Amino acid sequence: MAKIQLLPIPEATVRHYFDAGHWTHDTLCDWLFTRADHAPETPAIYHAGTRISYRELSDRVRSLASGLQAF
């Protein structure tokens, strides 16, 4: 399988996007947990006729993380 090679982003570009507010230091989990707090019953995932809310997805992520930490 071919390995994907990422090119470095120039520091000036990084600074520009942070200064403009387009990039933050938030992680994907930060975004998910914030969304679950503000709109817990909003659908996060639709798949094969099943709906998973942001609250349920957040709960599943926390449960998985807790299990991995215990492992």
Protein backbone atom coordinates (compact mmCIF):
# COMPACT_ATOMS: atom_id res chain seq x y z
CA MET A 1 0.00 0.00 0.00
CA ALA A 2 1.33 3.44 -0.92
CA LYS A 3 2.22 5.74 1.95
CA ILE A 4 0.73 9.23 1.88
CA GLN A 5 3.36 11.92 2.24
CA LEU A 6 2.16 15.21 3.69
CA LEU A 7 3.99 18.38 2.85
CA PRO A 8 4.74 20.85 5.65
CA ILE A 9 2.56 23.96 5.79
CA PRO A 10 4.57 27.20 5.79
CA GLU A 11 4.54 28.99 9.16
CA ALA A 12 3.21 32.19 7.56
CA THR A 13 0.20 30.27 6.21
CA VAL A 14 -0.49 28.70 9.60
CA ARG A 15 -0.26 32.10 11.31
CA HIS A 16 -2.59 33.65 8.72
CA TYR A 17 -5.33 31.05 9.21
CA PHE A 18 -5.10 31.17 13.02
CA ASP A 19 -5.14 34.99 13.04
CA ALA A 20 -8.15 35.02 10.71
CA GLY A 21 -9.98 32.59 13.02
CA HIS A 22 -10.28 29.85 10.40
CA TRP A 23 -8.13 27.43 12.39
CA THR A 24 -8.27 26.82 16.15
CA HIS A 25 -6.58 24.49 18.57
CA ASP A 26 -9.86 22.57 19.05
CA THR A 27 -9.71 18.84 18.55
CA LEU A 28 -12.36 16.73 16.87
CA CYS A 29 -13.48 15.57 20.32
CA ASP A 30 -13.74 19.19 21.52
CA TRP A 31 -16.01 19.93 18.57
CA LEU A 32 -18.13 16.81 19.16
CA PHE A 33 -18.60 17.43 22.90
CA THR A 34 -19.49 21.10 22.31
CA ARG A 35 -22.03 20.11 19.67
CA ALA A 36 -23.48 17.45 22.02
CA ASP A 37 -23.86 20.10 24.75
CA HIS A 38 -25.60 22.61 22.46
CA ALA A 39 -27.74 20.31 20.30
CA PRO A 40 -27.79 16.87 21.92
CA GLU A 41 -30.70 15.41 19.97
CA THR A 42 -29.61 16.71 16.55
CA PRO A 43 -28.67 13.83 14.26
CA ALA A 44 -24.92 13.42 13.94
CA ILE A 45 -24.98 10.31 11.74
CA TYR A 46 -27.55 8.76 9.43
CA HIS A 47 -26.66 5.31 8.15
CA ALA A 48 -28.81 2.52 6.73
CA GLY A 49 -31.97 4.00 8.25
CA THR A 50 -30.39 4.48 11.67
CA ARG A 51 -30.00 7.87 13.31
CA ILE A 52 -27.39 8.59 15.98
CA SER A 53 -27.68 11.88 17.86
CA TYR A 54 -24.73 13.99 18.94
CA ARG A 55 -25.48 13.01 22.54
CA GLU A 56 -25.35 9.30 21.71
CA LEU A 57 -22.22 9.67 19.61
CA SER A 58 -20.57 11.65 22.39
CA ASP A 59 -21.53 8.96 24.92
CA ARG A 60 -20.10 6.24 22.65
CA VAL A 61 -16.84 8.14 22.15
CA ARG A 62 -16.46 8.69 25.91
CA SER A 63 -17.19 5.01 26.57
CA LEU A 64 -14.65 3.88 23.98
CA ALA A 65 -12.01 6.27 25.35
CA SER A 66 -12.68 5.09 28.89
CA GLY A 67 -12.35 1.46 27.83
CA LEU A 68 -9.09 2.14 26.01
CA GLN A 69 -7.74 4.01 29.00
CA ALA A 70 -8.63 1.11 31.30
CA PHE A 71 -6.97 -1.34 28.90
